[in-house]
Amino acid sequence: MAKKSAIERNKKRERLVAKFAAKRAELKQILRNPETSDEAFFKAQRELALLPRNSSPVRLRNRCQLTGRPRGYIRKFGVSRITFRELALFGRAPGVTKSSW
């Protein structure tokens, strides 16, 4: 089991990413537009820099839904490799069978 503080920190980041997603997308659209004036470009750039760092989706970490483990994450199932193996052994992962039993 991962540290509760690390799990909670990641949850907080997920909330911030969701909260600022629209604002961030709007500012990035201004920055991508080649017809944006220099003044509007720099203003959008400054506003983007002023957003909280943890509202950036890059700062999110994939974690196991059951244990919170950050490494060995399997996206398709949303769990770590260790948890996935346990689920597969007990037949709780749909469509998964052990190759040699």
PDB file of N, CA and C in Angstrom:
ATOM      1  N   MET A   1       0.842  -1.187   0.000  1.00  0.00           N
ATOM      2  CA  MET A   1       0.000   0.000   0.000  1.00  0.00           C
ATOM      3  C   MET A   1       0.880   1.241   0.000  1.00  0.00           C
ATOM      4  N   ALA A   2       0.571   2.170  -0.884  1.00  0.00           N
ATOM      5  CA  ALA A   2       1.320   3.416  -0.966  1.00  0.00           C
ATOM      6  C   ALA A   2       0.978   4.323   0.213  1.00  0.00           C
ATOM      7  N   LYS A   3       1.840   5.313   0.429  1.00  0.00           N
ATOM      8  CA  LYS A   3       1.563   6.275   1.505  1.00  0.00           C
ATOM      9  C   LYS A   3       0.272   7.016   1.210  1.00  0.00           C
ATOM     10  N   LYS A   4      -0.525   7.176   2.235  1.00  0.00           N
ATOM     11  CA  LYS A   4      -1.815   7.862   2.066  1.00  0.00           C
ATOM     12  C   LYS A   4      -1.622   9.301   1.594  1.00  0.00           C
ATOM     13  N   SER A   5      -0.543   9.935   2.062  1.00  0.00           N
ATOM     14  CA  SER A   5      -0.306  11.326   1.670  1.00  0.00           C
ATOM     15  C   SER A   5      -0.031  11.434   0.170  1.00  0.00           C
ATOM     16  N   ALA A   6       0.694  10.460  -0.382  1.00  0.00           N
ATOM     17  CA  ALA A   6       0.992  10.474  -1.822  1.00  0.00           C
ATOM     18  C   ALA A   6      -0.275  10.254  -2.639  1.00  0.00           C
ATOM     19  N   ILE A   7      -1.125   9.361  -2.162  1.00  0.00           N
ATOM     20  CA  ILE A   7      -2.391   9.093  -2.855  1.00  0.00           C
ATOM     21  C   ILE A   7      -3.279  10.330  -2.822  1.00  0.00           C
ATOM     22  N   GLU A   8      -3.374  10.965  -1.651  1.00  0.00           N
ATOM     23  CA  GLU A   8      -4.202  12.164  -1.505  1.00  0.00           C
ATOM     24  C   GLU A   8      -3.662  13.326  -2.337  1.00  0.00           C
ATOM     25  N   ARG A   9      -2.348  13.442  -2.412  1.00  0.00           N
ATOM     26  CA  ARG A   9      -1.731  14.503  -3.217  1.00  0.00           C
ATOM     27  C   ARG A   9      -2.107  14.334  -4.685  1.00  0.00           C
ATOM     28  N   ASN A  10      -2.096  13.086  -5.151  1.00  0.00           N
ATOM     29  CA  ASN A  10      -2.457  12.819  -6.538  1.00  0.00           C
ATOM     30  C   ASN A  10      -3.940  13.105  -6.784  1.00  0.00           C
ATOM     31  N   LYS A  11      -4.781  12.792  -5.796  1.00  0.00           N
ATOM     32  CA  LYS A  11      -6.215  13.092  -5.927  1.00  0.00           C
ATOM     33  C   LYS A  11      -6.451  14.594  -6.004  1.00  0.00           C
ATOM     34  N   LYS A  12      -5.693  15.339  -5.219  1.00  0.00           N
ATOM     35  CA  LYS A  12      -5.802  16.799  -5.241  1.00  0.00           C
ATOM     36  C   LYS A  12      -5.413  17.320  -6.621  1.00  0.00           C
ATOM     37  N   ARG A  13      -4.346  16.758  -7.183  1.00  0.00           N
ATOM     38  CA  ARG A  13      -3.921  17.151  -8.523  1.00  0.00           C
ATOM     39  C   ARG A  13      -5.009  16.843  -9.543  1.00  0.00           C
ATOM     40  N   GLU A  14      -5.663  15.684  -9.411  1.00  0.00           N
ATOM     41  CA  GLU A  14      -6.743  15.334 -10.341  1.00  0.00           C
ATOM     42  C   GLU A  14      -7.869  16.357 -10.280  1.00  0.00           C
ATOM     43  N   ARG A  15      -8.216  16.799  -9.060  1.00  0.00           N
ATOM     44  CA  ARG A  15      -9.265  17.815  -8.910  1.00  0.00           C
ATOM     45  C   ARG A  15      -8.843  19.130  -9.568  1.00  0.00           C
ATOM     46  N   LEU A  16      -7.575  19.536  -9.364  1.00  0.00           N
ATOM     47  CA  LEU A  16      -7.088  20.789  -9.941  1.00  0.00           C
ATOM     48  C   LEU A  16      -7.038  20.720 -11.466  1.00  0.00           C
ATOM     49  N   VAL A  17      -6.637  19.571 -12.004  1.00  0.00           N
ATOM     50  CA  VAL A  17      -6.592  19.408 -13.462  1.00  0.00           C
ATOM     51  C   VAL A  17      -7.996  19.581 -14.038  1.00  0.00           C
ATOM     52  N   ALA A  18      -8.976  18.959 -13.393  1.00  0.00           N
ATOM     53  CA  ALA A  18     -10.366  19.068 -13.858  1.00  0.00           C
ATOM     54  C   ALA A  18     -10.884  20.508 -13.739  1.00  0.00           C
ATOM     55  N   LYS A  19     -10.522  21.165 -12.651  1.00  0.00           N
ATOM     56  CA  LYS A  19     -11.008  22.527 -12.394  1.00  0.00           C
ATOM     57  C   LYS A  19     -10.479  23.525 -13.430  1.00  0.00           C
ATOM     58  N   PHE A  20      -9.199  23.403 -13.789  1.00  0.00           N
ATOM     59  CA  PHE A  20      -8.566  24.379 -14.679  1.00  0.00           C
ATOM     60  C   PHE A  20      -8.453  23.902 -16.123  1.00  0.00           C
ATOM     61  N   ALA A  21      -9.048  22.760 -16.463  1.00  0.00           N
ATOM     62  CA  ALA A  21      -8.910  22.208 -17.815  1.00  0.00           C
ATOM     63  C   ALA A  21      -9.439  23.168 -18.886  1.00  0.00           C
ATOM     64  N   ALA A  22     -10.610  23.735 -18.665  1.00  0.00           N
ATOM     65  CA  ALA A  22     -11.206  24.624 -19.666  1.00  0.00           C
ATOM     66  C   ALA A  22     -10.370  25.889 -19.845  1.00  0.00           C
ATOM     67  N   LYS A  23      -9.948  26.497 -18.745  1.00  0.00           N
ATOM     68  CA  LYS A  23      -9.139  27.712 -18.796  1.00  0.00           C
ATOM     69  C   LYS A  23      -7.816  27.442 -19.502  1.00  0.00           C
ATOM     70  N   ARG A  24      -7.182  26.315 -19.169  1.00  0.00           N
ATOM     71  CA  ARG A  24      -5.900  25.948 -19.766  1.00  0.00           C
ATOM     72  C   ARG A  24      -6.050  25.719 -21.276  1.00  0.00           C
ATOM     73  N   ALA A  25      -7.128  25.021 -21.672  1.00  0.00           N
ATOM     74  CA  ALA A  25      -7.369  24.755 -23.093  1.00  0.00           C
ATOM     75  C   ALA A  25      -7.610  26.053 -23.860  1.00  0.00           C
ATOM     76  N   GLU A  26      -8.338  26.963 -23.252  1.00  0.00           N
ATOM     77  CA  GLU A  26      -8.632  28.257 -23.881  1.00  0.00           C
ATOM     78  C   GLU A  26      -7.340  29.054 -24.114  1.00  0.00           C
ATOM     79  N   LEU A  27      -6.483  29.096 -23.095  1.00  0.00           N
ATOM     80  CA  LEU A  27      -5.215  29.827 -23.221  1.00  0.00           C
ATOM     81  C   LEU A  27      -4.287  29.180 -24.247  1.00  0.00           C
ATOM     82  N   LYS A  28      -4.250  27.857 -24.266  1.00  0.00           N
ATOM     83  CA  LYS A  28      -3.388  27.160 -25.230  1.00  0.00           C
ATOM     84  C   LYS A  28      -3.883  27.380 -26.656  1.00  0.00           C
ATOM     85  N   GLN A  29      -5.196  27.493 -26.826  1.00  0.00           N
ATOM     86  CA  GLN A  29      -5.763  27.756 -28.147  1.00  0.00           C
ATOM     87  C   GLN A  29      -5.298  29.124 -28.656  1.00  0.00           C
ATOM     88  N   ILE A  30      -5.263  30.102 -27.771  1.00  0.00           N
ATOM     89  CA  ILE A  30      -4.776  31.438 -28.136  1.00  0.00           C
ATOM     90  C   ILE A  30      -3.308  31.366 -28.537  1.00  0.00           C
ATOM     91  N   LEU A  31      -2.529  30.608 -27.787  1.00  0.00           N
ATOM     92  CA  LEU A  31      -1.098  30.498 -28.077  1.00  0.00           C
ATOM     93  C   LEU A  31      -0.831  29.767 -29.393  1.00  0.00           C
ATOM     94  N   ARG A  32      -1.675  28.797 -29.743  1.00  0.00           N
ATOM     95  CA  ARG A  32      -1.474  28.028 -30.982  1.00  0.00           C
ATOM     96  C   ARG A  32      -1.887  28.798 -32.233  1.00  0.00           C
ATOM     97  N   ASN A  33      -2.798  29.737 -32.083  1.00  0.00           N
ATOM     98  CA  ASN A  33      -3.321  30.476 -33.227  1.00  0.00           C
ATOM     99  C   ASN A  33      -2.240  31.405 -33.790  1.00  0.00           C
ATOM    100  N   PRO A  34      -1.849  31.210 -35.056  1.00  0.00           N
ATOM    101  CA  PRO A  34      -0.782  32.046 -35.635  1.00  0.00           C
ATOM    102  C   PRO A  34      -1.218  33.499 -35.871  1.00  0.00           C
ATOM    103  N   GLU A  35      -2.517  33.764 -35.871  1.00  0.00           N
ATOM    104  CA  GLU A  35      -3.007  35.125 -36.130  1.00  0.00           C
ATOM    105  C   GLU A  35      -3.208  35.928 -34.857  1.00  0.00           C
ATOM    106  N   THR A  36      -2.797  35.375 -33.720  1.00  0.00           N
ATOM    107  CA  THR A  36      -2.906  36.087 -32.448  1.00  0.00           C
ATOM    108  C   THR A  36      -1.890  37.222 -32.416  1.00  0.00           C
ATOM    109  N   SER A  37      -2.319  38.393 -31.942  1.00  0.00           N
ATOM    110  CA  SER A  37      -1.401  39.526 -31.832  1.00  0.00           C
ATOM    111  C   SER A  37      -0.362  39.236 -30.752  1.00  0.00           C
ATOM    112  N   ASP A  38       0.760  39.931 -30.839  1.00  0.00           N
ATOM    113  CA  ASP A  38       1.839  39.730 -29.861  1.00  0.00           C
ATOM    114  C   ASP A  38       1.359  40.038 -28.447  1.00  0.00           C
ATOM    115  N   GLU A  39       0.586  41.096 -28.326  1.00  0.00           N
ATOM    116  CA  GLU A  39       0.092  41.512 -27.016  1.00  0.00           C
ATOM    117  C   GLU A  39      -0.798  40.437 -26.395  1.00  0.00           C
ATOM    118  N   ALA A  40      -1.728  39.888 -27.197  1.00  0.00           N
ATOM    119  CA  ALA A  40      -2.629  38.844 -26.705  1.00  0.00           C
ATOM    120  C   ALA A  40      -1.852  37.555 -26.406  1.00  0.00           C
ATOM    121  N   PHE A  41      -0.850  37.272 -27.228  1.00  0.00           N
ATOM    122  CA  PHE A  41      -0.022  36.077 -27.038  1.00  0.00           C
ATOM    123  C   PHE A  41       0.694  36.127 -25.699  1.00  0.00           C
ATOM    124  N   PHE A  42       1.352  37.266 -25.435  1.00  0.00           N
ATOM    125  CA  PHE A  42       2.109  37.387 -24.179  1.00  0.00           C
ATOM    126  C   PHE A  42       1.192  37.416 -22.959  1.00  0.00           C
ATOM    127  N   LYS A  43       0.006  37.990 -23.129  1.00  0.00           N
ATOM    128  CA  LYS A  43      -0.955  38.008 -22.028  1.00  0.00           C
ATOM    129  C   LYS A  43      -1.417  36.583 -21.713  1.00  0.00           C
ATOM    130  N   ALA A  44      -1.728  35.802 -22.754  1.00  0.00           N
ATOM    131  CA  ALA A  44      -2.153  34.413 -22.560  1.00  0.00           C
ATOM    132  C   ALA A  44      -1.025  33.577 -21.961  1.00  0.00           C
ATOM    133  N   GLN A  45       0.184  33.852 -22.408  1.00  0.00           N
ATOM    134  CA  GLN A  45       1.346  33.133 -21.889  1.00  0.00           C
ATOM    135  C   GLN A  45       1.536  33.409 -20.398  1.00  0.00           C
ATOM    136  N   ARG A  46       1.347  34.655 -20.021  1.00  0.00           N
ATOM    137  CA  ARG A  46       1.492  35.043 -18.615  1.00  0.00           C
ATOM    138  C   ARG A  46       0.392  34.405 -17.761  1.00  0.00           C
ATOM    139  N   GLU A  47      -0.844  34.420 -18.256  1.00  0.00           N
ATOM    140  CA  GLU A  47      -1.952  33.826 -17.514  1.00  0.00           C
ATOM    141  C   GLU A  47      -1.767  32.316 -17.347  1.00  0.00           C
ATOM    142  N   LEU A  48      -1.235  31.686 -18.380  1.00  0.00           N
ATOM    143  CA  LEU A  48      -0.976  30.247 -18.308  1.00  0.00           C
ATOM    144  C   LEU A  48       0.097  29.949 -17.259  1.00  0.00           C
ATOM    145  N   ALA A  49       1.092  30.798 -17.183  1.00  0.00           N
ATOM    146  CA  ALA A  49       2.158  30.614 -16.199  1.00  0.00           C
ATOM    147  C   ALA A  49       1.652  30.845 -14.771  1.00  0.00           C
ATOM    148  N   LEU A  50       0.622  31.651 -14.621  1.00  0.00           N
ATOM    149  CA  LEU A  50       0.087  31.945 -13.296  1.00  0.00           C
ATOM    150  C   LEU A  50      -0.861  30.869 -12.763  1.00  0.00           C
ATOM    151  N   LEU A  51      -1.275  29.940 -13.633  1.00  0.00           N
ATOM    152  CA  LEU A  51      -2.125  28.846 -13.164  1.00  0.00           C
ATOM    153  C   LEU A  51      -1.317  27.959 -12.218  1.00  0.00           C
ATOM    154  N   PRO A  52      -1.972  27.284 -11.277  1.00  0.00           N
ATOM    155  CA  PRO A  52      -1.240  26.412 -10.352  1.00  0.00           C
ATOM    156  C   PRO A  52      -0.488  25.306 -11.098  1.00  0.00           C
ATOM    157  N   ARG A  53       0.706  25.003 -10.631  1.00  0.00           N
ATOM    158  CA  ARG A  53       1.498  23.957 -11.275  1.00  0.00           C
ATOM    159  C   ARG A  53       0.783  22.618 -11.260  1.00  0.00           C
ATOM    160  N   ASN A  54       0.123  22.323 -10.167  1.00  0.00           N
ATOM    161  CA  ASN A  54      -0.542  21.029 -10.048  1.00  0.00           C
ATOM    162  C   ASN A  54      -1.793  20.917 -10.910  1.00  0.00           C
ATOM    163  N   SER A  55      -2.165  21.963 -11.618  1.00  0.00           N
ATOM    164  CA  SER A  55      -3.314  21.880 -12.513  1.00  0.00           C
ATOM    165  C   SER A  55      -2.901  21.402 -13.906  1.00  0.00           C
ATOM    166  N   SER A  56      -1.616  21.147 -14.082  1.00  0.00           N
ATOM    167  CA  SER A  56      -1.129  20.626 -15.354  1.00  0.00           C
ATOM    168  C   SER A  56      -1.293  19.107 -15.393  1.00  0.00           C
ATOM    169  N   PRO A  57      -1.875  18.564 -16.467  1.00  0.00           N
ATOM    170  CA  PRO A  57      -2.097  17.117 -16.532  1.00  0.00           C
ATOM    171  C   PRO A  57      -0.804  16.302 -16.527  1.00  0.00           C
ATOM    172  N   VAL A  58       0.306  16.919 -16.866  1.00  0.00           N
ATOM    173  CA  VAL A  58       1.596  16.227 -16.887  1.00  0.00           C
ATOM    174  C   VAL A  58       2.004  15.793 -15.483  1.00  0.00           C
ATOM    175  N   ARG A  59       1.543  16.495 -14.471  1.00  0.00           N
ATOM    176  CA  ARG A  59       1.940  16.203 -13.088  1.00  0.00           C
ATOM    177  C   ARG A  59       1.148  15.061 -12.451  1.00  0.00           C
ATOM    178  N   LEU A  60       0.137  14.543 -13.164  1.00  0.00           N
ATOM    179  CA  LEU A  60      -0.622  13.410 -12.649  1.00  0.00           C
ATOM    180  C   LEU A  60       0.195  12.136 -12.762  1.00  0.00           C
ATOM    181  N   ARG A  61      -0.046  11.224 -11.847  1.00  0.00           N
ATOM    182  CA  ARG A  61       0.657   9.947 -11.835  1.00  0.00           C
ATOM    183  C   ARG A  61      -0.376   8.827 -11.895  1.00  0.00           C
ATOM    184  N   ASN A  62      -0.172   7.861 -12.795  1.00  0.00           N
ATOM    185  CA  ASN A  62      -1.064   6.702 -12.828  1.00  0.00           C
ATOM    186  C   ASN A  62      -0.805   5.854 -11.592  1.00  0.00           C
ATOM    187  N   ARG A  63      -1.854   5.574 -10.848  1.00  0.00           N
ATOM    188  CA  ARG A  63      -1.722   4.769  -9.633  1.00  0.00           C
ATOM    189  C   ARG A  63      -2.744   3.644  -9.640  1.00  0.00           C
ATOM    190  N   CYS A  64      -2.374   2.539  -9.013  1.00  0.00           N
ATOM    191  CA  CYS A  64      -3.264   1.386  -8.863  1.00  0.00           C
ATOM    192  C   CYS A  64      -4.515   1.828  -8.105  1.00  0.00           C
ATOM    193  N   GLN A  65      -5.677   1.435  -8.602  1.00  0.00           N
ATOM    194  CA  GLN A  65      -6.938   1.816  -7.968  1.00  0.00           C
ATOM    195  C   GLN A  65      -7.120   1.161  -6.602  1.00  0.00           C
ATOM    196  N   LEU A  66      -6.517  -0.008  -6.414  1.00  0.00           N
ATOM    197  CA  LEU A  66      -6.715  -0.748  -5.164  1.00  0.00           C
ATOM    198  C   LEU A  66      -5.639  -0.467  -4.123  1.00  0.00           C
ATOM    199  N   THR A  67      -4.388  -0.368  -4.554  1.00  0.00           N
ATOM    200  CA  THR A  67      -3.301  -0.223  -3.589  1.00  0.00           C
ATOM    201  C   THR A  67      -2.623   1.132  -3.624  1.00  0.00           C
ATOM    202  N   GLY A  68      -2.762   1.867  -4.725  1.00  0.00           N
ATOM    203  CA  GLY A  68      -2.114   3.166  -4.847  1.00  0.00           C
ATOM    204  C   GLY A  68      -0.682   3.081  -5.355  1.00  0.00           C
ATOM    205  N   ARG A  69      -0.235   1.875  -5.712  1.00  0.00           N
ATOM    206  CA  ARG A  69       1.135   1.695  -6.191  1.00  0.00           C
ATOM    207  C   ARG A  69       1.354   2.485  -7.489  1.00  0.00           C
ATOM    208  N   PRO A  70       2.440   3.295  -7.565  1.00  0.00           N
ATOM    209  CA  PRO A  70       2.655   4.133  -8.735  1.00  0.00           C
ATOM    210  C   PRO A  70       3.399   3.451  -9.888  1.00  0.00           C
ATOM    211  N   ARG A  71       4.049   2.336  -9.623  1.00  0.00           N
ATOM    212  CA  ARG A  71       4.836   1.687 -10.681  1.00  0.00           C
ATOM    213  C   ARG A  71       4.192   0.377 -11.113  1.00  0.00           C
ATOM    214  N   GLY A  72       4.533  -0.051 -12.317  1.00  0.00           N
ATOM    215  CA  GLY A  72       3.981  -1.297 -12.837  1.00  0.00           C
ATOM    216  C   GLY A  72       2.496  -1.185 -13.096  1.00  0.00           C
ATOM    217  N   TYR A  73       2.040  -0.040 -13.580  1.00  0.00           N
ATOM    218  CA  TYR A  73       0.617   0.249 -13.783  1.00  0.00           C
ATOM    219  C   TYR A  73       0.169  -0.300 -15.135  1.00  0.00           C
ATOM    220  N   ILE A  74      -0.948  -1.027 -15.148  1.00  0.00           N
ATOM    221  CA  ILE A  74      -1.513  -1.552 -16.384  1.00  0.00           C
ATOM    222  C   ILE A  74      -2.754  -0.726 -16.702  1.00  0.00           C
ATOM    223  N   ARG A  75      -2.675   0.086 -17.747  1.00  0.00           N
ATOM    224  CA  ARG A  75      -3.747   1.028 -18.066  1.00  0.00           C
ATOM    225  C   ARG A  75      -5.087   0.360 -18.342  1.00  0.00           C
ATOM    226  N   LYS A  76      -5.050  -0.731 -19.071  1.00  0.00           N
ATOM    227  CA  LYS A  76      -6.299  -1.384 -19.468  1.00  0.00           C
ATOM    228  C   LYS A  76      -7.147  -1.786 -18.260  1.00  0.00           C
ATOM    229  N   PHE A  77      -6.509  -2.164 -17.173  1.00  0.00           N
ATOM    230  CA  PHE A  77      -7.230  -2.616 -15.995  1.00  0.00           C
ATOM    231  C   PHE A  77      -7.194  -1.608 -14.851  1.00  0.00           C
ATOM    232  N   GLY A  78      -6.301  -0.627 -14.910  1.00  0.00           N
ATOM    233  CA  GLY A  78      -6.245   0.402 -13.887  1.00  0.00           C
ATOM    234  C   GLY A  78      -5.631  -0.047 -12.572  1.00  0.00           C
ATOM    235  N   VAL A  79      -4.844  -1.129 -12.620  1.00  0.00           N
ATOM    236  CA  VAL A  79      -4.209  -1.648 -11.414  1.00  0.00           C
ATOM    237  C   VAL A  79      -2.730  -1.926 -11.681  1.00  0.00           C
ATOM    238  N   SER A  80      -1.971  -2.165 -10.617  1.00  0.00           N
ATOM    239  CA  SER A  80      -0.552  -2.474 -10.765  1.00  0.00           C
ATOM    240  C   SER A  80      -0.388  -3.933 -11.190  1.00  0.00           C
ATOM    241  N   ARG A  81       0.806  -4.279 -11.613  1.00  0.00           N
ATOM    242  CA  ARG A  81       1.082  -5.638 -12.084  1.00  0.00           C
ATOM    243  C   ARG A  81       0.856  -6.682 -10.990  1.00  0.00           C
ATOM    244  N   ILE A  82       1.174  -6.321  -9.751  1.00  0.00           N
ATOM    245  CA  ILE A  82       1.029  -7.252  -8.634  1.00  0.00           C
ATOM    246  C   ILE A  82      -0.445  -7.503  -8.348  1.00  0.00           C
ATOM    247  N   THR A  83      -1.221  -6.441  -8.288  1.00  0.00           N
ATOM    248  CA  THR A  83      -2.655  -6.562  -8.050  1.00  0.00           C
ATOM    249  C   THR A  83      -3.320  -7.285  -9.211  1.00  0.00           C
ATOM    250  N   PHE A  84      -2.870  -6.985 -10.427  1.00  0.00           N
ATOM    251  CA  PHE A  84      -3.425  -7.633 -11.618  1.00  0.00           C
ATOM    252  C   PHE A  84      -3.221  -9.139 -11.552  1.00  0.00           C
ATOM    253  N   ARG A  85      -2.036  -9.558 -11.137  1.00  0.00           N
ATOM    254  CA  ARG A  85      -1.730 -10.983 -11.043  1.00  0.00           C
ATOM    255  C   ARG A  85      -2.651 -11.667 -10.032  1.00  0.00           C
ATOM    256  N   GLU A  86      -2.858 -11.014  -8.900  1.00  0.00           N
ATOM    257  CA  GLU A  86      -3.753 -11.577  -7.886  1.00  0.00           C
ATOM    258  C   GLU A  86      -5.185 -11.692  -8.417  1.00  0.00           C
ATOM    259  N   LEU A  87      -5.645 -10.640  -9.087  1.00  0.00           N
ATOM    260  CA  LEU A  87      -6.998 -10.659  -9.638  1.00  0.00           C
ATOM    261  C   LEU A  87      -7.143 -11.754 -10.690  1.00  0.00           C
ATOM    262  N   ALA A  88      -6.118 -11.911 -11.535  1.00  0.00           N
ATOM    263  CA  ALA A  88      -6.163 -12.932 -12.585  1.00  0.00           C
ATOM    264  C   ALA A  88      -6.165 -14.337 -11.985  1.00  0.00           C
ATOM    265  N   LEU A  89      -5.389 -14.555 -10.934  1.00  0.00           N
ATOM    266  CA  LEU A  89      -5.332 -15.875 -10.306  1.00  0.00           C
ATOM    267  C   LEU A  89      -6.675 -16.288  -9.714  1.00  0.00           C
ATOM    268  N   PHE A  90      -7.403 -15.315  -9.166  1.00  0.00           N
ATOM    269  CA  PHE A  90      -8.693 -15.620  -8.561  1.00  0.00           C
ATOM    270  C   PHE A  90      -9.855 -15.469  -9.538  1.00  0.00           C
ATOM    271  N   GLY A  91      -9.548 -15.174 -10.799  1.00  0.00           N
ATOM    272  CA  GLY A  91     -10.584 -15.077 -11.821  1.00  0.00           C
ATOM    273  C   GLY A  91     -11.428 -13.831 -11.717  1.00  0.00           C
ATOM    274  N   ARG A  92     -10.902 -12.768 -11.137  1.00  0.00           N
ATOM    275  CA  ARG A  92     -11.673 -11.537 -10.963  1.00  0.00           C
ATOM    276  C   ARG A  92     -11.400 -10.502 -12.057  1.00  0.00           C
ATOM    277  N   ALA A  93     -10.404 -10.774 -12.917  1.00  0.00           N
ATOM    278  CA  ALA A  93     -10.127  -9.879 -14.042  1.00  0.00           C
ATOM    279  C   ALA A  93     -10.831 -10.468 -15.267  1.00  0.00           C
ATOM    280  N   PRO A  94     -11.823  -9.780 -15.829  1.00  0.00           N
ATOM    281  CA  PRO A  94     -12.604 -10.349 -16.925  1.00  0.00           C
ATOM    282  C   PRO A  94     -11.765 -10.597 -18.178  1.00  0.00           C
ATOM    283  N   GLY A  95     -11.920 -11.791 -18.732  1.00  0.00           N
ATOM    284  CA  GLY A  95     -11.235 -12.147 -19.972  1.00  0.00           C
ATOM    285  C   GLY A  95      -9.780 -12.513 -19.813  1.00  0.00           C
ATOM    286  N   VAL A  96      -9.315 -12.728 -18.588  1.00  0.00           N
ATOM    287  CA  VAL A  96      -7.905 -13.031 -18.355  1.00  0.00           C
ATOM    288  C   VAL A  96      -7.797 -14.428 -17.757  1.00  0.00           C
ATOM    289  N   THR A  97      -6.923 -15.244 -18.357  1.00  0.00           N
ATOM    290  CA  THR A  97      -6.649 -16.570 -17.803  1.00  0.00           C
ATOM    291  C   THR A  97      -5.149 -16.746 -17.711  1.00  0.00           C
ATOM    292  N   LYS A  98      -4.724 -17.512 -16.765  1.00  0.00           N
ATOM    293  CA  LYS A  98      -3.290 -17.776 -16.597  1.00  0.00           C
ATOM    294  C   LYS A  98      -2.871 -18.747 -17.691  1.00  0.00           C
ATOM    295  N   SER A  99      -1.729 -18.487 -18.324  1.00  0.00           N
ATOM    296  CA  SER A  99      -1.316 -19.311 -19.462  1.00  0.00           C
ATOM    297  C   SER A  99      -0.928 -20.718 -19.036  1.00  0.00           C
ATOM    298  N   SER A 100      -0.240 -20.875 -17.922  1.00  0.00           N
ATOM    299  CA  SER A 100       0.107 -22.220 -17.448  1.00  0.00           C
ATOM    300  C   SER A 100      -0.405 -22.373 -16.029  1.00  0.00           C
ATOM    301  N   TRP A 101      -1.274 -23.306 -15.829  1.00  0.00           N
ATOM    302  CA  TRP A 101      -1.918 -23.454 -14.530  1.00  0.00           C
ATOM    303  C   TRP A 101      -1.460 -24.639 -13.819  1.00  0.00           C
TER     304      TRP A 101
END
